[in-house]
Amino acid sequence: MNKGRKISGGKYVKNRKKKLYESAGQRRVVKKGEEKRKTQKTRGGNKKIVMLRAKFVNVKLKDKISKMEIKNVLETPSNRFLARQNIITKGTILETAHGKVRVTNRPSQEGIVNGVLIG
């Protein structure tokens, strides 16, 4: 099989290059460590606070929100190798003093880590 070829042997040719707004941005990785954030300009003159390192997680307990320190990154359902590198993404399970916490938001997009206690 010839990669990127039609069944007749002809090449697939892109009709155009990507526009600037279609290009992927810089990959942001949130790691466990001392808190570190960065402000980024976005489209329309807005700003986005980007998290680079996280030390605390906001956990919803029944009717109040508690700030807990992250002890360890246990597992990441999307990719098991991310947990080994202490990278925090949505769905990651963290270890805290009160037990296991599942991250419910996207910290690289929102600049904060939120989660809920799990059994």
PDB file of N, CA and C in Angstrom:
ATOM      1  N   MET A   1       0.833  -1.197   0.000  1.00  0.00           N
ATOM      2  CA  MET A   1       0.000   0.000   0.000  1.00  0.00           C
ATOM      3  C   MET A   1       0.863   1.241   0.000  1.00  0.00           C
ATOM      4  N   ASN A   2       0.593   2.147  -0.871  1.00  0.00           N
ATOM      5  CA  ASN A   2       1.313   3.411  -0.880  1.00  0.00           C
ATOM      6  C   ASN A   2       0.580   4.407  -0.008  1.00  0.00           C
ATOM      7  N   LYS A   3       1.280   4.913   0.991  1.00  0.00           N
ATOM      8  CA  LYS A   3       0.652   5.824   1.948  1.00  0.00           C
ATOM      9  C   LYS A   3       0.357   7.166   1.267  1.00  0.00           C
ATOM     10  N   GLY A   4      -0.849   7.674   1.502  1.00  0.00           N
ATOM     11  CA  GLY A   4      -1.212   8.972   0.940  1.00  0.00           C
ATOM     12  C   GLY A   4      -1.473   8.943  -0.547  1.00  0.00           C
ATOM     13  N   ARG A   5      -1.811   7.784  -1.082  1.00  0.00           N
ATOM     14  CA  ARG A   5      -2.069   7.663  -2.522  1.00  0.00           C
ATOM     15  C   ARG A   5      -3.482   7.148  -2.776  1.00  0.00           C
ATOM     16  N   LYS A   6      -4.002   7.522  -3.919  1.00  0.00           N
ATOM     17  CA  LYS A   6      -5.304   7.003  -4.340  1.00  0.00           C
ATOM     18  C   LYS A   6      -5.141   5.559  -4.805  1.00  0.00           C
ATOM     19  N   ILE A   7      -6.257   4.881  -4.994  1.00  0.00           N
ATOM     20  CA  ILE A   7      -6.210   3.485  -5.435  1.00  0.00           C
ATOM     21  C   ILE A   7      -5.590   3.390  -6.830  1.00  0.00           C
ATOM     22  N   SER A   8      -5.703   4.473  -7.616  1.00  0.00           N
ATOM     23  CA  SER A   8      -5.121   4.490  -8.964  1.00  0.00           C
ATOM     24  C   SER A   8      -3.631   4.805  -8.951  1.00  0.00           C
ATOM     25  N   GLY A   9      -3.106   5.202  -7.773  1.00  0.00           N
ATOM     26  CA  GLY A   9      -1.686   5.541  -7.679  1.00  0.00           C
ATOM     27  C   GLY A   9      -1.422   7.033  -7.637  1.00  0.00           C
ATOM     28  N   GLY A  10      -2.480   7.828  -7.914  1.00  0.00           N
ATOM     29  CA  GLY A  10      -2.320   9.288  -7.897  1.00  0.00           C
ATOM     30  C   GLY A  10      -2.188   9.827  -6.479  1.00  0.00           C
ATOM     31  N   LYS A  11      -1.610  11.037  -6.356  1.00  0.00           N
ATOM     32  CA  LYS A  11      -1.400  11.650  -5.041  1.00  0.00           C
ATOM     33  C   LYS A  11      -2.646  12.410  -4.606  1.00  0.00           C
ATOM     34  N   TYR A  12      -2.860  12.440  -3.274  1.00  0.00           N
ATOM     35  CA  TYR A  12      -3.856  13.331  -2.706  1.00  0.00           C
ATOM     36  C   TYR A  12      -3.178  14.676  -2.500  1.00  0.00           C
ATOM     37  N   VAL A  13      -3.762  15.739  -3.003  1.00  0.00           N
ATOM     38  CA  VAL A  13      -3.177  17.075  -2.873  1.00  0.00           C
ATOM     39  C   VAL A  13      -4.114  17.944  -2.052  1.00  0.00           C
ATOM     40  N   LYS A  14      -3.552  18.616  -1.012  1.00  0.00           N
ATOM     41  CA  LYS A  14      -4.368  19.512  -0.191  1.00  0.00           C
ATOM     42  C   LYS A  14      -4.834  20.676  -1.049  1.00  0.00           C
ATOM     43  N   ASN A  15      -6.075  21.123  -0.812  1.00  0.00           N
ATOM     44  CA  ASN A  15      -6.578  22.237  -1.613  1.00  0.00           C
ATOM     45  C   ASN A  15      -6.099  23.581  -1.076  1.00  0.00           C
ATOM     46  N   ARG A  16      -5.657  23.623   0.192  1.00  0.00           N
ATOM     47  CA  ARG A  16      -5.099  24.857   0.763  1.00  0.00           C
ATOM     48  C   ARG A  16      -4.365  24.544   2.057  1.00  0.00           C
ATOM     49  N   LYS A  17      -3.582  25.537   2.514  1.00  0.00           N
ATOM     50  CA  LYS A  17      -2.903  25.391   3.803  1.00  0.00           C
ATOM     51  C   LYS A  17      -3.850  25.818   4.915  1.00  0.00           C
ATOM     52  N   LYS A  18      -3.440  25.583   6.161  1.00  0.00           N
ATOM     53  CA  LYS A  18      -4.269  25.972   7.300  1.00  0.00           C
ATOM     54  C   LYS A  18      -4.222  27.478   7.509  1.00  0.00           C
ATOM     55  N   LYS A  19      -5.370  28.036   7.902  1.00  0.00           N
ATOM     56  CA  LYS A  19      -5.423  29.448   8.295  1.00  0.00           C
ATOM     57  C   LYS A  19      -4.839  29.556   9.701  1.00  0.00           C
ATOM     58  N   LEU A  20      -4.476  30.764  10.105  1.00  0.00           N
ATOM     59  CA  LEU A  20      -3.866  30.973  11.409  1.00  0.00           C
ATOM     60  C   LEU A  20      -4.803  30.534  12.531  1.00  0.00           C
ATOM     61  N   TYR A  21      -6.114  30.802  12.392  1.00  0.00           N
ATOM     62  CA  TYR A  21      -7.062  30.434  13.439  1.00  0.00           C
ATOM     63  C   TYR A  21      -7.333  28.931  13.488  1.00  0.00           C
ATOM     64  N   GLU A  22      -6.944  28.204  12.465  1.00  0.00           N
ATOM     65  CA  GLU A  22      -7.133  26.751  12.449  1.00  0.00           C
ATOM     66  C   GLU A  22      -5.936  26.004  13.025  1.00  0.00           C
ATOM     67  N   SER A  23      -4.793  26.690  13.117  1.00  0.00           N
ATOM     68  CA  SER A  23      -3.587  26.010  13.581  1.00  0.00           C
ATOM     69  C   SER A  23      -3.674  25.698  15.068  1.00  0.00           C
ATOM     70  N   ALA A  24      -3.047  24.622  15.456  1.00  0.00           N
ATOM     71  CA  ALA A  24      -3.062  24.214  16.858  1.00  0.00           C
ATOM     72  C   ALA A  24      -2.146  25.116  17.664  1.00  0.00           C
ATOM     73  N   GLY A  25      -2.555  25.419  18.889  1.00  0.00           N
ATOM     74  CA  GLY A  25      -1.741  26.257  19.763  1.00  0.00           C
ATOM     75  C   GLY A  25      -0.639  25.436  20.409  1.00  0.00           C
ATOM     76  N   GLN A  26       0.111  26.099  21.271  1.00  0.00           N
ATOM     77  CA  GLN A  26       1.188  25.411  21.973  1.00  0.00           C
ATOM     78  C   GLN A  26       0.588  24.449  22.992  1.00  0.00           C
ATOM     79  N   ARG A  27       1.136  23.248  23.085  1.00  0.00           N
ATOM     80  CA  ARG A  27       0.609  22.242  24.008  1.00  0.00           C
ATOM     81  C   ARG A  27       0.948  22.641  25.430  1.00  0.00           C
ATOM     82  N   ARG A  28      -0.064  22.693  26.279  1.00  0.00           N
ATOM     83  CA  ARG A  28       0.138  23.074  27.671  1.00  0.00           C
ATOM     84  C   ARG A  28      -0.028  21.844  28.549  1.00  0.00           C
ATOM     85  N   VAL A  29       0.925  21.657  29.452  1.00  0.00           N
ATOM     86  CA  VAL A  29       0.915  20.508  30.348  1.00  0.00           C
ATOM     87  C   VAL A  29       0.866  21.022  31.775  1.00  0.00           C
ATOM     88  N   VAL A  30      -0.123  20.541  32.549  1.00  0.00           N
ATOM     89  CA  VAL A  30      -0.234  20.915  33.958  1.00  0.00           C
ATOM     90  C   VAL A  30       0.399  19.814  34.783  1.00  0.00           C
ATOM     91  N   LYS A  31       1.450  20.166  35.522  1.00  0.00           N
ATOM     92  CA  LYS A  31       2.156  19.185  36.351  1.00  0.00           C
ATOM     93  C   LYS A  31       1.917  19.472  37.821  1.00  0.00           C
ATOM     94  N   LYS A  32       2.180  18.472  38.651  1.00  0.00           N
ATOM     95  CA  LYS A  32       2.100  18.647  40.098  1.00  0.00           C
ATOM     96  C   LYS A  32       3.351  19.379  40.546  1.00  0.00           C
ATOM     97  N   GLY A  33       3.173  20.430  41.369  1.00  0.00           N
ATOM     98  CA  GLY A  33       4.316  21.200  41.845  1.00  0.00           C
ATOM     99  C   GLY A  33       3.862  22.537  42.398  1.00  0.00           C
ATOM    100  N   GLU A  34       4.807  23.448  42.604  1.00  0.00           N
ATOM    101  CA  GLU A  34       4.484  24.790  43.114  1.00  0.00           C
ATOM    102  C   GLU A  34       3.629  25.513  42.085  1.00  0.00           C
ATOM    103  N   GLU A  35       2.577  26.242  42.562  1.00  0.00           N
ATOM    104  CA  GLU A  35       1.620  26.904  41.668  1.00  0.00           C
ATOM    105  C   GLU A  35       2.323  27.819  40.661  1.00  0.00           C
ATOM    106  N   LYS A  36       1.951  27.698  39.382  1.00  0.00           N
ATOM    107  CA  LYS A  36       2.494  28.568  38.346  1.00  0.00           C
ATOM    108  C   LYS A  36       1.440  28.751  37.270  1.00  0.00           C
ATOM    109  N   ARG A  37       1.136  30.026  36.965  1.00  0.00           N
ATOM    110  CA  ARG A  37       0.142  30.350  35.942  1.00  0.00           C
ATOM    111  C   ARG A  37       0.738  31.322  34.930  1.00  0.00           C
ATOM    112  N   LYS A  38       0.091  31.407  33.776  1.00  0.00           N
ATOM    113  CA  LYS A  38       0.528  32.318  32.726  1.00  0.00           C
ATOM    114  C   LYS A  38      -0.724  32.913  32.089  1.00  0.00           C
ATOM    115  N   THR A  39      -0.674  34.186  31.739  1.00  0.00           N
ATOM    116  CA  THR A  39      -1.792  34.828  31.050  1.00  0.00           C
ATOM    117  C   THR A  39      -1.501  34.820  29.555  1.00  0.00           C
ATOM    118  N   GLN A  40      -2.511  34.432  28.786  1.00  0.00           N
ATOM    119  CA  GLN A  40      -2.348  34.313  27.348  1.00  0.00           C
ATOM    120  C   GLN A  40      -3.408  35.129  26.640  1.00  0.00           C
ATOM    121  N   LYS A  41      -3.031  35.817  25.569  1.00  0.00           N
ATOM    122  CA  LYS A  41      -4.007  36.563  24.773  1.00  0.00           C
ATOM    123  C   LYS A  41      -4.764  35.572  23.895  1.00  0.00           C
ATOM    124  N   THR A  42      -6.068  35.791  23.783  1.00  0.00           N
ATOM    125  CA  THR A  42      -6.876  34.922  22.930  1.00  0.00           C
ATOM    126  C   THR A  42      -7.569  35.762  21.864  1.00  0.00           C
ATOM    127  N   ARG A  43      -8.373  35.125  21.079  1.00  0.00           N
ATOM    128  CA  ARG A  43      -9.085  35.816  20.008  1.00  0.00           C
ATOM    129  C   ARG A  43     -10.059  36.828  20.547  1.00  0.00           C
ATOM    130  N   GLY A  44     -10.163  37.950  19.874  1.00  0.00           N
ATOM    131  CA  GLY A  44     -11.112  38.980  20.280  1.00  0.00           C
ATOM    132  C   GLY A  44     -10.569  39.861  21.387  1.00  0.00           C
ATOM    133  N   GLY A  45      -9.260  39.829  21.623  1.00  0.00           N
ATOM    134  CA  GLY A  45      -8.657  40.676  22.646  1.00  0.00           C
ATOM    135  C   GLY A  45      -8.897  40.201  24.071  1.00  0.00           C
ATOM    136  N   ASN A  46      -9.372  38.993  24.234  1.00  0.00           N
ATOM    137  CA  ASN A  46      -9.628  38.454  25.567  1.00  0.00           C
ATOM    138  C   ASN A  46      -8.358  37.836  26.141  1.00  0.00           C
ATOM    139  N   LYS A  47      -8.441  37.444  27.413  1.00  0.00           N
ATOM    140  CA  LYS A  47      -7.303  36.810  28.072  1.00  0.00           C
ATOM    141  C   LYS A  47      -7.729  35.475  28.643  1.00  0.00           C
ATOM    142  N   LYS A  48      -6.776  34.549  28.666  1.00  0.00           N
ATOM    143  CA  LYS A  48      -7.019  33.229  29.235  1.00  0.00           C
ATOM    144  C   LYS A  48      -5.900  32.966  30.233  1.00  0.00           C
ATOM    145  N   ILE A  49      -6.264  32.556  31.439  1.00  0.00           N
ATOM    146  CA  ILE A  49      -5.259  32.215  32.427  1.00  0.00           C
ATOM    147  C   ILE A  49      -4.960  30.733  32.281  1.00  0.00           C
ATOM    148  N   VAL A  50      -3.705  30.434  32.008  1.00  0.00           N
ATOM    149  CA  VAL A  50      -3.260  29.074  31.732  1.00  0.00           C
ATOM    150  C   VAL A  50      -2.484  28.571  32.934  1.00  0.00           C
ATOM    151  N   MET A  51      -2.806  27.370  33.394  1.00  0.00           N
ATOM    152  CA  MET A  51      -2.096  26.779  34.519  1.00  0.00           C
ATOM    153  C   MET A  51      -0.969  25.900  34.002  1.00  0.00           C
ATOM    154  N   LEU A  52       0.207  26.031  34.611  1.00  0.00           N
ATOM    155  CA  LEU A  52       1.360  25.214  34.223  1.00  0.00           C
ATOM    156  C   LEU A  52       1.729  24.212  35.313  1.00  0.00           C
ATOM    157  N   ARG A  53       1.592  24.626  36.589  1.00  0.00           N
ATOM    158  CA  ARG A  53       1.838  23.731  37.721  1.00  0.00           C
ATOM    159  C   ARG A  53       0.766  23.932  38.771  1.00  0.00           C
ATOM    160  N   ALA A  54       0.345  22.861  39.414  1.00  0.00           N
ATOM    161  CA  ALA A  54      -0.720  22.926  40.412  1.00  0.00           C
ATOM    162  C   ALA A  54      -0.276  22.267  41.707  1.00  0.00           C
ATOM    163  N   LYS A  55      -0.629  22.907  42.836  1.00  0.00           N
ATOM    164  CA  LYS A  55      -0.320  22.345  44.148  1.00  0.00           C
ATOM    165  C   LYS A  55      -1.598  21.989  44.907  1.00  0.00           C
ATOM    166  N   PHE A  56      -2.710  22.704  44.585  1.00  0.00           N
ATOM    167  CA  PHE A  56      -3.971  22.511  45.291  1.00  0.00           C
ATOM    168  C   PHE A  56      -5.088  22.151  44.332  1.00  0.00           C
ATOM    169  N   VAL A  57      -6.109  21.475  44.880  1.00  0.00           N
ATOM    170  CA  VAL A  57      -7.316  21.147  44.121  1.00  0.00           C
ATOM    171  C   VAL A  57      -8.520  21.592  44.942  1.00  0.00           C
ATOM    172  N   ASN A  58      -9.506  22.216  44.282  1.00  0.00           N
ATOM    173  CA  ASN A  58     -10.750  22.615  44.936  1.00  0.00           C
ATOM    174  C   ASN A  58     -11.716  21.440  44.876  1.00  0.00           C
ATOM    175  N   VAL A  59     -12.109  20.939  46.048  1.00  0.00           N
ATOM    176  CA  VAL A  59     -12.948  19.745  46.111  1.00  0.00           C
ATOM    177  C   VAL A  59     -14.315  20.108  46.655  1.00  0.00           C
ATOM    178  N   LYS A  60     -15.367  19.643  45.960  1.00  0.00           N
ATOM    179  CA  LYS A  60     -16.732  19.897  46.411  1.00  0.00           C
ATOM    180  C   LYS A  60     -17.129  18.828  47.416  1.00  0.00           C
ATOM    181  N   LEU A  61     -17.402  19.257  48.653  1.00  0.00           N
ATOM    182  CA  LEU A  61     -17.846  18.352  49.717  1.00  0.00           C
ATOM    183  C   LEU A  61     -19.276  18.733  50.098  1.00  0.00           C
ATOM    184  N   LYS A  62     -20.246  17.931  49.710  1.00  0.00           N
ATOM    185  CA  LYS A  62     -21.673  18.148  49.981  1.00  0.00           C
ATOM    186  C   LYS A  62     -22.124  19.563  49.624  1.00  0.00           C
ATOM    187  N   ASP A  63     -21.985  20.548  50.536  1.00  0.00           N
ATOM    188  CA  ASP A  63     -22.494  21.895  50.254  1.00  0.00           C
ATOM    189  C   ASP A  63     -21.417  22.968  50.290  1.00  0.00           C
ATOM    190  N   LYS A  64     -20.169  22.598  50.563  1.00  0.00           N
ATOM    191  CA  LYS A  64     -19.093  23.587  50.573  1.00  0.00           C
ATOM    192  C   LYS A  64     -17.901  23.111  49.748  1.00  0.00           C
ATOM    193  N   ILE A  65     -17.021  24.055  49.428  1.00  0.00           N
ATOM    194  CA  ILE A  65     -15.847  23.737  48.625  1.00  0.00           C
ATOM    195  C   ILE A  65     -14.611  23.860  49.506  1.00  0.00           C
ATOM    196  N   SER A  66     -13.766  22.842  49.471  1.00  0.00           N
ATOM    197  CA  SER A  66     -12.566  22.800  50.305  1.00  0.00           C
ATOM    198  C   SER A  66     -11.327  22.753  49.418  1.00  0.00           C
ATOM    199  N   LYS A  67     -10.277  23.476  49.830  1.00  0.00           N
ATOM    200  CA  LYS A  67      -9.014  23.504  49.086  1.00  0.00           C
ATOM    201  C   LYS A  67      -8.060  22.488  49.708  1.00  0.00           C
ATOM    202  N   MET A  68      -7.653  21.493  48.925  1.00  0.00           N
ATOM    203  CA  MET A  68      -6.791  20.426  49.435  1.00  0.00           C
ATOM    204  C   MET A  68      -5.489  20.367  48.651  1.00  0.00           C
ATOM    205  N   GLU A  69      -4.438  19.953  49.336  1.00  0.00           N
ATOM    206  CA  GLU A  69      -3.136  19.822  48.687  1.00  0.00           C
ATOM    207  C   GLU A  69      -3.060  18.492  47.951  1.00  0.00           C
ATOM    208  N   ILE A  70      -2.479  18.540  46.754  1.00  0.00           N
ATOM    209  CA  ILE A  70      -2.307  17.333  45.942  1.00  0.00           C
ATOM    210  C   ILE A  70      -1.073  16.592  46.444  1.00  0.00           C
ATOM    211  N   LYS A  71      -1.273  15.324  46.845  1.00  0.00           N
ATOM    212  CA  LYS A  71      -0.147  14.512  47.313  1.00  0.00           C
ATOM    213  C   LYS A  71       0.499  13.760  46.148  1.00  0.00           C
ATOM    214  N   ASN A  72      -0.355  13.201  45.283  1.00  0.00           N
ATOM    215  CA  ASN A  72       0.165  12.355  44.219  1.00  0.00           C
ATOM    216  C   ASN A  72      -0.838  12.269  43.074  1.00  0.00           C
ATOM    217  N   VAL A  73      -0.349  11.974  41.880  1.00  0.00           N
ATOM    218  CA  VAL A  73      -1.205  11.706  40.724  1.00  0.00           C
ATOM    219  C   VAL A  73      -1.274  10.192  40.584  1.00  0.00           C
ATOM    220  N   LEU A  74      -2.467   9.620  40.822  1.00  0.00           N
ATOM    221  CA  LEU A  74      -2.608   8.157  40.834  1.00  0.00           C
ATOM    222  C   LEU A  74      -2.790   7.563  39.447  1.00  0.00           C
ATOM    223  N   GLU A  75      -3.808   8.041  38.713  1.00  0.00           N
ATOM    224  CA  GLU A  75      -4.038   7.490  37.376  1.00  0.00           C
ATOM    225  C   GLU A  75      -4.759   8.486  36.487  1.00  0.00           C
ATOM    226  N   THR A  76      -4.566   8.306  35.182  1.00  0.00           N
ATOM    227  CA  THR A  76      -5.233   9.125  34.177  1.00  0.00           C
ATOM    228  C   THR A  76      -5.908   8.178  33.199  1.00  0.00           C
ATOM    229  N   PRO A  77      -7.242   8.158  33.152  1.00  0.00           N
ATOM    230  CA  PRO A  77      -7.939   7.207  32.279  1.00  0.00           C
ATOM    231  C   PRO A  77      -7.600   7.364  30.793  1.00  0.00           C
ATOM    232  N   SER A  78      -7.338   8.600  30.337  1.00  0.00           N
ATOM    233  CA  SER A  78      -7.080   8.816  28.919  1.00  0.00           C
ATOM    234  C   SER A  78      -5.724   8.268  28.475  1.00  0.00           C
ATOM    235  N   ASN A  79      -4.724   8.330  29.384  1.00  0.00           N
ATOM    236  CA  ASN A  79      -3.384   7.878  29.009  1.00  0.00           C
ATOM    237  C   ASN A  79      -2.600   7.526  30.268  1.00  0.00           C
ATOM    238  N   ARG A  80      -2.242   6.278  30.445  1.00  0.00           N
ATOM    239  CA  ARG A  80      -1.604   5.846  31.686  1.00  0.00           C
ATOM    240  C   ARG A  80      -0.205   6.431  31.862  1.00  0.00           C
ATOM    241  N   PHE A  81       0.420   6.845  30.779  1.00  0.00           N
ATOM    242  CA  PHE A  81       1.777   7.394  30.867  1.00  0.00           C
ATOM    243  C   PHE A  81       1.780   8.809  31.448  1.00  0.00           C
ATOM    244  N   LEU A  82       0.658   9.519  31.364  1.00  0.00           N
ATOM    245  CA  LEU A  82       0.579  10.871  31.922  1.00  0.00           C
ATOM    246  C   LEU A  82       0.687  10.847  33.439  1.00  0.00           C
ATOM    247  N   ALA A  83       0.123   9.835  34.087  1.00  0.00           N
ATOM    248  CA  ALA A  83       0.160   9.735  35.546  1.00  0.00           C
ATOM    249  C   ALA A  83       1.590   9.532  36.039  1.00  0.00           C
ATOM    250  N   ARG A  84       2.376   8.808  35.305  1.00  0.00           N
ATOM    251  CA  ARG A  84       3.773   8.584  35.685  1.00  0.00           C
ATOM    252  C   ARG A  84       4.572   9.876  35.696  1.00  0.00           C
ATOM    253  N   GLN A  85       4.197  10.809  34.813  1.00  0.00           N
ATOM    254  CA  GLN A  85       4.912  12.085  34.704  1.00  0.00           C
ATOM    255  C   GLN A  85       4.280  13.174  35.567  1.00  0.00           C
ATOM    256  N   ASN A  86       3.291  12.807  36.408  1.00  0.00           N
ATOM    257  CA  ASN A  86       2.564  13.750  37.275  1.00  0.00           C
ATOM    258  C   ASN A  86       1.861  14.853  36.484  1.00  0.00           C
ATOM    259  N   ILE A  87       1.288  14.496  35.342  1.00  0.00           N
ATOM    260  CA  ILE A  87       0.547  15.445  34.512  1.00  0.00           C
ATOM    261  C   ILE A  87      -0.933  15.344  34.861  1.00  0.00           C
ATOM    262  N   ILE A  88      -1.583  16.519  35.057  1.00  0.00           N
ATOM    263  CA  ILE A  88      -2.988  16.575  35.469  1.00  0.00           C
ATOM    264  C   ILE A  88      -3.844  17.006  34.284  1.00  0.00           C
ATOM    265  N   THR A  89      -4.838  16.171  33.938  1.00  0.00           N
ATOM    266  CA  THR A  89      -5.805  16.483  32.883  1.00  0.00           C
ATOM    267  C   THR A  89      -7.203  16.216  33.425  1.00  0.00           C
ATOM    268  N   LYS A  90      -8.224  16.461  32.614  1.00  0.00           N
ATOM    269  CA  LYS A  90      -9.591  16.164  33.030  1.00  0.00           C
ATOM    270  C   LYS A  90      -9.747  14.653  33.201  1.00  0.00           C
ATOM    271  N   GLY A  91     -10.364  14.239  34.317  1.00  0.00           N
ATOM    272  CA  GLY A  91     -10.566  12.827  34.595  1.00  0.00           C
ATOM    273  C   GLY A  91      -9.456  12.188  35.402  1.00  0.00           C
ATOM    274  N   THR A  92      -8.359  12.915  35.623  1.00  0.00           N
ATOM    275  CA  THR A  92      -7.235  12.382  36.397  1.00  0.00           C
ATOM    276  C   THR A  92      -7.651  12.146  37.842  1.00  0.00           C
ATOM    277  N   ILE A  93      -7.164  11.073  38.432  1.00  0.00           N
ATOM    278  CA  ILE A  93      -7.457  10.768  39.835  1.00  0.00           C
ATOM    279  C   ILE A  93      -6.242  11.155  40.672  1.00  0.00           C
ATOM    280  N   LEU A  94      -6.489  12.067  41.633  1.00  0.00           N
ATOM    281  CA  LEU A  94      -5.431  12.597  42.490  1.00  0.00           C
ATOM    282  C   LEU A  94      -5.570  12.048  43.896  1.00  0.00           C
ATOM    283  N   GLU A  95      -4.458  11.994  44.614  1.00  0.00           N
ATOM    284  CA  GLU A  95      -4.477  11.582  46.010  1.00  0.00           C
ATOM    285  C   GLU A  95      -4.348  12.831  46.881  1.00  0.00           C
ATOM    286  N   THR A  96      -5.265  12.971  47.866  1.00  0.00           N
ATOM    287  CA  THR A  96      -5.221  14.080  48.817  1.00  0.00           C
ATOM    288  C   THR A  96      -5.303  13.508  50.230  1.00  0.00           C
ATOM    289  N   ALA A  97      -5.265  14.405  51.220  1.00  0.00           N
ATOM    290  CA  ALA A  97      -5.349  13.974  52.619  1.00  0.00           C
ATOM    291  C   ALA A  97      -6.710  13.347  52.938  1.00  0.00           C
ATOM    292  N   HIS A  98      -7.771  13.775  52.240  1.00  0.00           N
ATOM    293  CA  HIS A  98      -9.133  13.285  52.489  1.00  0.00           C
ATOM    294  C   HIS A  98      -9.529  12.114  51.606  1.00  0.00           C
ATOM    295  N   GLY A  99      -8.631  11.664  50.743  1.00  0.00           N
ATOM    296  CA  GLY A  99      -8.931  10.525  49.873  1.00  0.00           C
ATOM    297  C   GLY A  99      -8.696  10.845  48.408  1.00  0.00           C
ATOM    298  N   LYS A 100      -9.274  10.013  47.545  1.00  0.00           N
ATOM    299  CA  LYS A 100      -9.098  10.173  46.108  1.00  0.00           C
ATOM    300  C   LYS A 100     -10.046  11.228  45.555  1.00  0.00           C
ATOM    301  N   VAL A 101      -9.534  12.023  44.615  1.00  0.00           N
ATOM    302  CA  VAL A 101     -10.308  13.097  43.986  1.00  0.00           C
ATOM    303  C   VAL A 101     -10.183  12.964  42.473  1.00  0.00           C
ATOM    304  N   ARG A 102     -11.331  13.058  41.758  1.00  0.00           N
ATOM    305  CA  ARG A 102     -11.325  13.039  40.299  1.00  0.00           C
ATOM    306  C   ARG A 102     -11.453  14.463  39.780  1.00  0.00           C
ATOM    307  N   VAL A 103     -10.570  14.864  38.884  1.00  0.00           N
ATOM    308  CA  VAL A 103     -10.581  16.217  38.305  1.00  0.00           C
ATOM    309  C   VAL A 103     -11.752  16.334  37.346  1.00  0.00           C
ATOM    310  N   THR A 104     -12.563  17.392  37.527  1.00  0.00           N
ATOM    311  CA  THR A 104     -13.780  17.556  36.721  1.00  0.00           C
ATOM    312  C   THR A 104     -13.674  18.673  35.686  1.00  0.00           C
ATOM    313  N   ASN A 105     -12.583  19.422  35.675  1.00  0.00           N
ATOM    314  CA  ASN A 105     -12.449  20.504  34.696  1.00  0.00           C
ATOM    315  C   ASN A 105     -11.159  20.321  33.902  1.00  0.00           C
ATOM    316  N   ARG A 106     -10.903  21.283  32.998  1.00  0.00           N
ATOM    317  CA  ARG A 106      -9.689  21.235  32.182  1.00  0.00           C
ATOM    318  C   ARG A 106      -8.718  22.290  32.698  1.00  0.00           C
ATOM    319  N   PRO A 107      -7.777  21.914  33.567  1.00  0.00           N
ATOM    320  CA  PRO A 107      -6.906  22.906  34.198  1.00  0.00           C
ATOM    321  C   PRO A 107      -6.035  23.692  33.220  1.00  0.00           C
ATOM    322  N   SER A 108      -5.648  23.083  32.113  1.00  0.00           N
ATOM    323  CA  SER A 108      -4.802  23.803  31.162  1.00  0.00           C
ATOM    324  C   SER A 108      -5.573  24.918  30.465  1.00  0.00           C
ATOM    325  N   GLN A 109      -6.901  24.827  30.434  1.00  0.00           N
ATOM    326  CA  GLN A 109      -7.733  25.846  29.791  1.00  0.00           C
ATOM    327  C   GLN A 109      -8.239  26.890  30.776  1.00  0.00           C
ATOM    328  N   GLU A 110      -8.429  26.501  32.045  1.00  0.00           N
ATOM    329  CA  GLU A 110      -9.133  27.365  33.000  1.00  0.00           C
ATOM    330  C   GLU A 110      -8.264  27.959  34.092  1.00  0.00           C
ATOM    331  N   GLY A 111      -7.056  27.450  34.289  1.00  0.00           N
ATOM    332  CA  GLY A 111      -6.154  28.017  35.282  1.00  0.00           C
ATOM    333  C   GLY A 111      -6.467  27.645  36.713  1.00  0.00           C
ATOM    334  N   ILE A 112      -7.258  26.607  36.921  1.00  0.00           N
ATOM    335  CA  ILE A 112      -7.636  26.151  38.265  1.00  0.00           C
ATOM    336  C   ILE A 112      -7.938  24.660  38.190  1.00  0.00           C
ATOM    337  N   VAL A 113      -7.777  23.946  39.309  1.00  0.00           N
ATOM    338  CA  VAL A 113      -8.080  22.509  39.327  1.00  0.00           C
ATOM    339  C   VAL A 113      -9.275  22.283  40.257  1.00  0.00           C
ATOM    340  N   ASN A 114     -10.354  21.750  39.709  1.00  0.00           N
ATOM    341  CA  ASN A 114     -11.562  21.418  40.478  1.00  0.00           C
ATOM    342  C   ASN A 114     -11.759  19.915  40.446  1.00  0.00           C
ATOM    343  N   GLY A 115     -12.368  19.374  41.509  1.00  0.00           N
ATOM    344  CA  GLY A 115     -12.596  17.941  41.547  1.00  0.00           C
ATOM    345  C   GLY A 115     -13.671  17.529  42.524  1.00  0.00           C
ATOM    346  N   VAL A 116     -14.004  16.236  42.504  1.00  0.00           N
ATOM    347  CA  VAL A 116     -14.983  15.666  43.436  1.00  0.00           C
ATOM    348  C   VAL A 116     -14.372  14.436  44.088  1.00  0.00           C
ATOM    349  N   LEU A 117     -14.752  14.203  45.349  1.00  0.00           N
ATOM    350  CA  LEU A 117     -14.267  13.024  46.069  1.00  0.00           C
ATOM    351  C   LEU A 117     -14.898  11.765  45.466  1.00  0.00           C
ATOM    352  N   ILE A 118     -14.087  10.713  45.381  1.00  0.00           N
ATOM    353  CA  ILE A 118     -14.618   9.420  44.940  1.00  0.00           C
ATOM    354  C   ILE A 118     -14.284   8.389  45.997  1.00  0.00           C
ATOM    355  N   GLY A 119     -15.115   7.373  46.120  1.00  0.00           N
ATOM    356  CA  GLY A 119     -15.047   6.341  47.126  1.00  0.00           C
ATOM    357  C   GLY A 119     -13.747   5.967  47.607  1.00  0.00           C
TER     358      GLY A 119
END
